[in-house]
């Protein structure tokens, strides 16, 4: 069904496209923007650490991750973990002596004097 749909989209957009693409060459993801069909990804696959948007594959922002191919969203890091880089496939646990009590964070905080966190 996907190939048939893409073939129809290509045929209906011939007047707006620079060239016609053979059916066997169709990408999995296209976007219609400003009356032009755009190829979002040659392979149609966003890598783990990325998500599919209307602009194509983009890296997950810091504080989030994606461990799946073609993710439609990135998952916030859970409390007790963080991610300080974009495009990651997992979050890191806060080190002993630090904590994070909120989701989607890019760092952990040191425990207050007189307290500790060993997990």
N, C-alpha and C. Protein backbone atom coordinates (compact mmCIF):
# COMPACT_ATOMS: atom_id res chain seq x y z
N UNK A 1 0.82 -1.19 0.00
CA UNK A 1 0.00 0.00 0.00
C UNK A 1 0.87 1.26 0.00
N UNK A 2 1.98 1.23 0.74
CA UNK A 2 2.85 2.40 0.82
C UNK A 2 3.43 2.71 -0.55
N UNK A 3 3.91 1.72 -1.29
CA UNK A 3 4.48 1.97 -2.61
C UNK A 3 3.43 2.53 -3.56
N UNK A 4 2.22 2.01 -3.51
CA UNK A 4 1.15 2.50 -4.38
C UNK A 4 0.85 3.96 -4.05
N UNK A 5 0.75 4.28 -2.80
CA UNK A 5 0.49 5.66 -2.38
C UNK A 5 1.61 6.59 -2.86
N UNK A 6 2.86 6.19 -2.68
CA UNK A 6 3.97 7.03 -3.10
C UNK A 6 4.00 7.19 -4.62
N UNK A 7 3.67 6.13 -5.35
CA UNK A 7 3.64 6.22 -6.80
C UNK A 7 2.59 7.23 -7.22
N UNK A 8 1.42 7.21 -6.60
CA UNK A 8 0.36 8.17 -6.92
C UNK A 8 0.80 9.59 -6.57
N UNK A 9 1.45 9.76 -5.45
CA UNK A 9 1.91 11.09 -5.06
C UNK A 9 2.91 11.63 -6.07
N UNK A 10 3.81 10.77 -6.53
CA UNK A 10 4.80 11.21 -7.50
C UNK A 10 4.13 11.59 -8.82
N UNK A 11 3.20 10.78 -9.28
CA UNK A 11 2.52 11.08 -10.53
C UNK A 11 1.74 12.38 -10.44
N UNK A 12 1.10 12.63 -9.30
CA UNK A 12 0.29 13.84 -9.18
C UNK A 12 1.15 15.08 -8.99
N UNK A 13 2.43 14.91 -8.74
CA UNK A 13 3.28 16.07 -8.49
C UNK A 13 4.31 16.29 -9.60
N UNK A 14 4.14 15.62 -10.73
CA UNK A 14 5.12 15.73 -11.80
C UNK A 14 5.34 17.18 -12.20
N UNK A 15 4.32 17.98 -12.23
CA UNK A 15 4.47 19.38 -12.62
C UNK A 15 5.31 20.18 -11.64
N UNK A 16 5.41 19.73 -10.40
CA UNK A 16 6.17 20.46 -9.39
C UNK A 16 7.55 19.85 -9.14
N UNK A 17 7.81 18.68 -9.71
CA UNK A 17 9.06 17.99 -9.41
C UNK A 17 10.08 18.26 -10.52
N UNK A 18 11.35 18.22 -10.15
CA UNK A 18 12.42 18.43 -11.12
C UNK A 18 12.58 17.20 -12.01
N UNK A 19 12.31 16.02 -11.49
CA UNK A 19 12.42 14.81 -12.29
C UNK A 19 11.47 13.77 -11.72
N UNK A 20 11.16 12.78 -12.54
CA UNK A 20 10.28 11.71 -12.11
C UNK A 20 11.15 10.58 -11.57
N UNK A 21 10.74 10.02 -10.44
CA UNK A 21 11.47 8.93 -9.80
C UNK A 21 10.76 7.63 -10.13
N UNK A 22 11.51 6.61 -10.52
CA UNK A 22 10.92 5.30 -10.79
C UNK A 22 10.30 4.73 -9.52
N UNK A 23 9.27 3.92 -9.67
CA UNK A 23 8.59 3.35 -8.52
C UNK A 23 9.55 2.57 -7.64
N UNK A 24 10.51 1.85 -8.20
CA UNK A 24 11.42 1.05 -7.40
C UNK A 24 12.39 1.91 -6.59
N UNK A 25 12.51 3.19 -6.94
CA UNK A 25 13.42 4.09 -6.24
C UNK A 25 12.73 4.91 -5.16
N UNK A 26 11.45 4.65 -4.92
CA UNK A 26 10.72 5.50 -3.98
C UNK A 26 11.26 5.40 -2.56
N UNK A 27 11.44 6.53 -1.90
CA UNK A 27 11.78 6.52 -0.48
C UNK A 27 10.54 6.17 0.33
N UNK A 28 10.72 5.85 1.58
CA UNK A 28 9.59 5.53 2.43
C UNK A 28 8.91 6.78 2.97
N UNK A 29 9.63 7.90 3.09
CA UNK A 29 9.06 9.10 3.67
C UNK A 29 9.20 10.28 2.73
N UNK A 30 8.09 10.96 2.47
CA UNK A 30 8.11 12.17 1.66
C UNK A 30 7.32 13.24 2.39
N UNK A 31 7.50 14.47 2.00
CA UNK A 31 6.81 15.58 2.63
C UNK A 31 6.38 16.55 1.54
N UNK A 32 5.16 17.04 1.62
CA UNK A 32 4.67 18.03 0.68
C UNK A 32 4.76 19.40 1.34
N UNK A 33 5.64 20.26 0.83
CA UNK A 33 5.87 21.57 1.41
C UNK A 33 6.03 22.58 0.28
N UNK A 34 5.28 23.67 0.34
CA UNK A 34 5.35 24.72 -0.69
C UNK A 34 5.13 24.14 -2.08
N UNK A 35 4.14 23.26 -2.22
CA UNK A 35 3.78 22.65 -3.50
C UNK A 35 4.88 21.78 -4.11
N UNK A 36 5.79 21.27 -3.29
CA UNK A 36 6.87 20.41 -3.77
C UNK A 36 6.93 19.17 -2.90
N UNK A 37 6.99 18.00 -3.54
CA UNK A 37 7.20 16.76 -2.80
C UNK A 37 8.67 16.66 -2.48
N UNK A 38 9.00 16.51 -1.21
CA UNK A 38 10.39 16.45 -0.77
C UNK A 38 10.71 15.06 -0.25
N UNK A 39 11.87 14.54 -0.60
CA UNK A 39 12.34 13.28 -0.04
C UNK A 39 12.95 13.59 1.32
N UNK A 40 12.41 12.99 2.37
CA UNK A 40 12.92 13.23 3.71
C UNK A 40 14.11 12.34 4.02
N UNK A 41 14.13 11.16 3.48
CA UNK A 41 15.23 10.24 3.76
C UNK A 41 15.35 9.28 2.59
N UNK A 42 16.56 9.13 2.05
CA UNK A 42 16.76 8.21 0.94
C UNK A 42 16.37 6.79 1.32
N UNK A 43 16.69 6.39 2.50
CA UNK A 43 16.39 5.04 2.95
C UNK A 43 15.06 4.96 3.69
N UNK A 44 14.55 6.09 4.17
CA UNK A 44 13.31 6.08 4.91
C UNK A 44 13.48 5.67 6.36
N UNK A 45 14.71 5.53 6.80
CA UNK A 45 14.94 5.07 8.17
C UNK A 45 15.70 6.13 8.97
N UNK A 46 15.12 6.51 10.09
CA UNK A 46 15.84 7.35 11.05
C UNK A 46 16.56 6.41 12.01
N UNK A 47 17.77 6.73 12.33
CA UNK A 47 18.60 5.90 13.19
C UNK A 47 18.16 6.02 14.65
N UNK A 48 18.49 5.03 15.49
CA UNK A 48 18.31 5.21 16.93
C UNK A 48 19.05 6.49 17.36
N UNK A 49 18.45 7.24 18.26
CA UNK A 49 19.00 8.53 18.65
C UNK A 49 18.38 9.68 17.86
N UNK A 50 17.52 9.34 16.90
CA UNK A 50 16.83 10.33 16.08
C UNK A 50 15.33 10.07 16.12
N UNK A 51 14.57 11.05 15.61
CA UNK A 51 13.14 10.88 15.44
C UNK A 51 12.73 11.45 14.09
N UNK A 52 11.62 10.94 13.56
CA UNK A 52 11.08 11.41 12.29
C UNK A 52 10.24 12.65 12.56
N UNK A 53 10.49 13.72 11.80
CA UNK A 53 9.67 14.92 11.86
C UNK A 53 9.27 15.29 10.43
N UNK A 54 8.48 16.34 10.28
CA UNK A 54 8.13 16.77 8.92
C UNK A 54 9.32 17.35 8.18
N UNK A 55 10.42 17.57 8.85
CA UNK A 55 11.65 18.04 8.22
C UNK A 55 12.65 16.92 7.98
N UNK A 56 12.27 15.68 8.28
CA UNK A 56 13.16 14.53 8.10
C UNK A 56 13.61 13.99 9.45
N UNK A 57 14.75 13.34 9.45
CA UNK A 57 15.31 12.76 10.68
C UNK A 57 16.09 13.84 11.42
N UNK A 58 15.80 13.98 12.71
CA UNK A 58 16.52 14.94 13.54
C UNK A 58 16.99 14.23 14.81
N UNK A 59 18.12 14.68 15.34
CA UNK A 59 18.64 14.11 16.58
C UNK A 59 17.71 14.41 17.75
N UNK A 60 17.60 13.46 18.66
CA UNK A 60 16.85 13.71 19.90
C UNK A 60 17.58 14.79 20.69
N UNK A 61 16.84 15.70 21.29
CA UNK A 61 17.51 16.75 22.08
C UNK A 61 18.11 16.19 23.36
N UNK A 62 19.06 16.92 23.92
CA UNK A 62 19.63 16.56 25.22
C UNK A 62 18.48 16.40 26.22
N UNK A 63 18.64 15.45 27.13
CA UNK A 63 17.58 15.17 28.11
C UNK A 63 16.61 14.10 27.65
N UNK A 64 16.79 13.64 26.39
CA UNK A 64 15.93 12.61 25.83
C UNK A 64 16.77 11.57 25.10
N UNK A 65 16.12 10.49 24.65
CA UNK A 65 16.79 9.45 23.89
C UNK A 65 15.79 8.72 23.02
N UNK A 66 16.29 7.96 22.08
CA UNK A 66 15.48 7.04 21.27
C UNK A 66 16.34 5.83 20.97
N UNK A 67 15.82 4.64 21.24
CA UNK A 67 16.60 3.43 20.96
C UNK A 67 15.97 2.59 19.86
N UNK A 68 15.10 3.21 19.06
CA UNK A 68 14.40 2.49 18.00
C UNK A 68 14.65 3.16 16.64
N UNK A 69 14.59 2.37 15.60
CA UNK A 69 14.63 2.91 14.25
C UNK A 69 13.26 3.52 13.95
N UNK A 70 13.26 4.67 13.28
CA UNK A 70 12.03 5.35 12.86
C UNK A 70 11.14 5.78 14.03
N UNK A 71 11.74 6.18 15.14
CA UNK A 71 10.96 6.66 16.27
C UNK A 71 10.20 7.93 15.87
N UNK A 72 8.98 8.07 16.33
CA UNK A 72 8.20 9.27 16.05
C UNK A 72 8.33 10.31 17.15
N UNK A 73 8.98 9.94 18.23
CA UNK A 73 9.25 10.89 19.31
C UNK A 73 10.45 10.39 20.10
N UNK A 74 11.01 11.28 20.89
CA UNK A 74 12.11 10.92 21.79
C UNK A 74 11.55 10.80 23.20
N UNK A 75 12.14 9.92 23.97
CA UNK A 75 11.67 9.64 25.33
C UNK A 75 12.49 10.45 26.33
N UNK A 76 11.82 11.18 27.23
CA UNK A 76 12.58 11.91 28.25
C UNK A 76 13.31 10.93 29.18
N UNK A 77 14.49 11.31 29.62
CA UNK A 77 15.19 10.53 30.63
C UNK A 77 14.35 10.50 31.90
N UNK A 78 14.33 9.38 32.58
CA UNK A 78 13.54 9.26 33.80
C UNK A 78 14.26 9.93 34.97
N UNK A 79 13.52 10.19 36.03
CA UNK A 79 14.12 10.71 37.26
C UNK A 79 15.23 9.74 37.68
N UNK A 80 16.35 10.28 38.13
CA UNK A 80 17.49 9.46 38.51
C UNK A 80 18.48 9.27 37.38
N UNK A 81 18.17 9.84 36.21
CA UNK A 81 19.07 9.73 35.06
C UNK A 81 19.12 11.05 34.30
N UNK A 82 20.05 11.15 33.35
CA UNK A 82 20.22 12.37 32.56
C UNK A 82 20.85 12.03 31.22
N UNK A 83 20.81 12.96 30.29
CA UNK A 83 21.55 12.85 29.03
C UNK A 83 21.96 14.26 28.62
N UNK A 84 23.26 14.50 28.56
CA UNK A 84 23.76 15.86 28.27
C UNK A 84 24.13 16.07 26.80
N UNK A 85 23.87 15.07 25.95
CA UNK A 85 24.19 15.19 24.53
C UNK A 85 22.97 14.92 23.67
N UNK A 86 22.97 15.47 22.46
CA UNK A 86 21.91 15.20 21.49
C UNK A 86 22.16 13.88 20.77
N UNK A 87 21.10 13.29 20.23
CA UNK A 87 21.24 12.13 19.37
C UNK A 87 21.65 10.86 20.07
N UNK A 88 21.21 10.65 21.29
CA UNK A 88 21.65 9.49 22.07
C UNK A 88 20.59 8.39 22.12
N UNK A 89 21.05 7.17 22.41
CA UNK A 89 20.17 6.01 22.45
C UNK A 89 19.82 5.55 23.86
N UNK A 90 20.34 6.24 24.86
CA UNK A 90 20.02 5.90 26.25
C UNK A 90 20.37 7.08 27.14
N UNK A 91 19.97 6.99 28.38
CA UNK A 91 20.32 7.99 29.39
C UNK A 91 21.31 7.36 30.37
N UNK A 92 22.03 8.19 31.09
CA UNK A 92 23.00 7.72 32.08
C UNK A 92 22.43 7.90 33.48
N UNK A 93 22.70 6.94 34.35
CA UNK A 93 22.28 7.06 35.75
C UNK A 93 23.11 8.12 36.45
N UNK A 94 22.51 8.83 37.36
CA UNK A 94 23.26 9.79 38.16
C UNK A 94 24.29 9.04 38.99
N UNK A 95 25.46 9.61 39.13
CA UNK A 95 26.54 8.99 39.90
C UNK A 95 26.22 9.02 41.39
N UNK A 96 26.87 8.15 42.14
CA UNK A 96 26.73 8.16 43.59
C UNK A 96 27.06 9.56 44.11
N UNK A 97 26.27 10.07 45.03
CA UNK A 97 26.47 11.40 45.58
C UNK A 97 25.73 12.48 44.80
N UNK A 98 24.95 12.08 43.80
CA UNK A 98 24.16 13.05 43.04
C UNK A 98 22.77 12.47 42.79
N UNK A 99 21.85 13.34 42.35
CA UNK A 99 20.47 12.90 42.14
C UNK A 99 19.83 13.76 41.04
N UNK A 100 18.72 13.27 40.54
CA UNK A 100 17.87 14.03 39.62
C UNK A 100 16.44 13.57 39.88
N UNK A 101 15.58 14.49 40.34
CA UNK A 101 14.22 14.11 40.68
C UNK A 101 13.20 14.52 39.61
N UNK A 102 13.66 14.96 38.44
CA UNK A 102 12.76 15.35 37.35
C UNK A 102 13.11 14.58 36.08
N UNK A 103 12.13 14.46 35.18
CA UNK A 103 12.35 13.81 33.89
C UNK A 103 12.97 14.78 32.89
N UNK A 104 13.65 14.23 31.89
CA UNK A 104 14.13 15.02 30.76
C UNK A 104 15.24 15.99 31.08
N UNK A 105 16.12 15.64 31.99
CA UNK A 105 17.17 16.57 32.42
C UNK A 105 18.52 16.26 31.78
N UNK A 106 19.38 17.28 31.77
CA UNK A 106 20.69 17.17 31.14
C UNK A 106 21.83 17.04 32.14
N UNK A 107 21.52 17.03 33.42
CA UNK A 107 22.55 16.87 34.44
C UNK A 107 21.92 16.40 35.74
N UNK A 108 22.77 16.01 36.67
CA UNK A 108 22.33 15.63 38.02
C UNK A 108 22.87 16.67 38.99
N UNK A 109 22.26 16.76 40.14
CA UNK A 109 22.68 17.71 41.18
C UNK A 109 23.37 16.96 42.32
N UNK A 110 24.32 17.62 42.93
CA UNK A 110 25.01 17.02 44.08
C UNK A 110 24.06 16.95 45.26
N UNK A 111 24.21 15.91 46.03
CA UNK A 111 23.39 15.78 47.25
C UNK A 111 23.78 16.87 48.23
N UNK A 112 22.84 17.31 49.02
CA UNK A 112 23.11 18.35 50.04
C UNK A 112 24.03 17.80 51.12
N UNK A 113 24.74 18.69 51.78
CA UNK A 113 25.62 18.30 52.89
C UNK A 113 24.81 17.52 53.92
N UNK A 114 25.39 16.43 54.39
CA UNK A 114 24.72 15.60 55.40
C UNK A 114 23.82 14.56 54.79
N UNK A 115 23.70 14.47 53.50
CA UNK A 115 22.87 13.45 52.86
C UNK A 115 23.71 12.72 51.82
N UNK A 116 23.20 11.62 51.32
CA UNK A 116 23.93 10.89 50.31
C UNK A 116 22.97 10.10 49.41
N UNK A 117 23.48 9.68 48.29
CA UNK A 117 22.75 8.84 47.35
C UNK A 117 23.73 7.81 46.85
N UNK A 118 23.49 6.53 47.18
CA UNK A 118 24.44 5.49 46.78
C UNK A 118 23.92 4.64 45.62
N UNK A 119 22.82 5.01 45.02
CA UNK A 119 22.25 4.23 43.90
C UNK A 119 22.18 5.06 42.65
